[in-house]
Amino acid sequence: KEEKPMFVERYFENATSINYAVFAILASGGFLISNESDEIKKYFNQKHLDFFKNSTDLVDKIAFYLDNLNVAQKMAQLGKFETMEKHNFSARARYILKKTLD
């Protein structure tokens, strides 16, 4: 069985944006822990990835998911499905065209 890696997207105390890495990691079936961010929450929720508040929370979550790989794998599957369904290039192009024509 192929093991999927666990990713920590970044750790900056005040990071608030979303970048391509979030979409790439989830689309590849990777499990992601990222800074808590309202911007990311516009596209994904805690069914798709997990969020951390500070370095202590991050360490605790990494330990939890290493002990509960089945939970991380389920989230990774849901994250991949959500990304492939709603955040692919075709969906983005349709969104841009709709916004442009409205």
Protein backbone atom coordinates (compact mmCIF):
# COMPACT_ATOMS: atom_id res chain seq x y z
CA LYS A 1 0.00 0.00 0.00
CA GLU A 2 1.35 3.42 -0.96
CA GLU A 3 1.97 5.73 1.99
CA LYS A 4 1.03 9.38 1.53
CA PRO A 5 3.20 11.96 3.24
CA MET A 6 2.09 14.42 5.89
CA PHE A 7 2.75 18.06 5.03
CA VAL A 8 2.98 21.13 7.20
CA GLU A 9 2.26 23.84 4.68
CA ARG A 10 4.08 26.65 6.48
CA TYR A 11 4.61 28.15 9.85
CA PHE A 12 4.43 31.90 10.10
CA GLU A 13 2.84 33.47 13.14
CA ASN A 14 0.62 35.79 11.10
CA ALA A 15 0.15 33.95 7.79
CA THR A 16 -3.33 34.65 6.44
CA SER A 17 -3.26 33.85 2.72
CA ILE A 18 -3.62 30.70 0.64
CA ASN A 19 -1.08 29.62 -1.97
CA TYR A 20 -0.76 27.04 -4.72
CA ALA A 21 0.92 24.54 -2.38
CA VAL A 22 -2.36 24.01 -0.50
CA PHE A 23 -4.13 22.97 -3.71
CA ALA A 24 -1.17 20.90 -4.99
CA ILE A 25 -0.74 18.94 -1.75
CA LEU A 26 -4.45 18.17 -1.43
CA ALA A 27 -4.85 17.32 -5.13
CA SER A 28 -2.00 14.80 -4.85
CA GLY A 29 -3.70 13.05 -1.92
CA GLY A 30 -1.32 14.38 0.71
CA PHE A 31 -2.41 15.18 4.24
CA LEU A 32 -1.98 18.83 5.18
CA ILE A 33 -1.71 20.76 8.42
CA SER A 34 -1.68 24.52 7.81
CA ASN A 35 -1.86 27.76 9.73
CA GLU A 36 -5.40 28.63 10.66
CA SER A 37 -6.49 31.10 8.00
CA ASP A 38 -9.83 32.60 7.01
CA GLU A 39 -8.61 32.62 3.40
CA ILE A 40 -8.02 28.85 3.35
CA LYS A 41 -11.35 28.30 5.10
CA LYS A 42 -13.11 29.95 2.14
CA TYR A 43 -12.14 26.87 0.10
CA PHE A 44 -11.62 24.02 2.59
CA ASN A 45 -12.66 22.98 6.07
CA GLN A 46 -11.44 20.55 8.72
CA LYS A 47 -12.82 17.59 6.80
CA HIS A 48 -10.14 18.26 4.16
CA LEU A 49 -7.10 19.36 6.19
CA ASP A 50 -6.27 20.45 9.71
CA PHE A 51 -5.24 23.81 11.06
CA PHE A 52 -2.91 24.80 13.87
CA LYS A 53 -2.86 27.94 15.98
CA ASN A 54 0.75 27.99 17.22
CA SER A 55 3.88 25.84 17.42
CA THR A 56 2.65 23.90 20.48
CA ASP A 57 -0.63 23.10 18.75
CA LEU A 58 1.29 22.02 15.64
CA VAL A 59 3.51 19.59 17.60
CA ASP A 60 0.44 18.15 19.35
CA LYS A 61 -1.39 17.66 16.04
CA ILE A 62 1.58 16.01 14.36
CA ALA A 63 1.83 13.56 17.27
CA PHE A 64 -1.92 12.87 17.10
CA TYR A 65 -1.93 12.15 13.37
CA LEU A 66 1.18 9.98 13.56
CA ASP A 67 -0.69 7.87 16.13
CA ASN A 68 -3.93 8.00 14.09
CA LEU A 69 -2.85 7.63 10.48
CA ASN A 70 -6.29 6.37 9.49
CA VAL A 71 -7.78 9.76 10.42
CA ALA A 72 -5.11 11.60 8.41
CA GLN A 73 -5.65 9.28 5.43
CA LYS A 74 -9.42 9.85 5.47
CA MET A 75 -8.91 13.62 5.57
CA ALA A 76 -6.40 13.35 2.70
CA GLN A 77 -8.97 11.43 0.62
CA LEU A 78 -11.65 14.04 1.29
CA GLY A 79 -9.20 16.86 0.55
CA LYS A 80 -8.24 15.27 -2.76
CA PHE A 81 -11.87 14.77 -3.77
CA GLU A 82 -12.78 18.37 -2.86
CA THR A 83 -9.79 19.76 -4.75
CA MET A 84 -10.33 17.66 -7.86
CA GLU A 85 -14.06 18.40 -7.88
CA LYS A 86 -14.12 22.15 -7.15
CA HIS A 87 -10.62 23.57 -7.58
CA ASN A 88 -9.39 22.19 -10.89
CA PHE A 89 -8.39 24.43 -13.80
CA SER A 90 -11.71 23.98 -15.62
CA ALA A 91 -13.70 24.99 -12.54
CA ARG A 92 -11.45 28.03 -12.04
CA ALA A 93 -11.81 29.07 -15.70
CA ARG A 94 -15.62 28.81 -15.47
CA TYR A 95 -15.56 30.90 -12.29
CA ILE A 96 -13.41 33.62 -13.89
CA LEU A 97 -15.62 33.73 -16.99
CA LYS A 98 -18.77 33.94 -14.91
CA LYS A 99 -17.36 36.79 -12.81
CA THR A 100 -16.15 38.58 -15.93
CA LEU A 101 -19.47 38.28 -17.77
CA ASP A 102 -21.69 39.17 -14.81
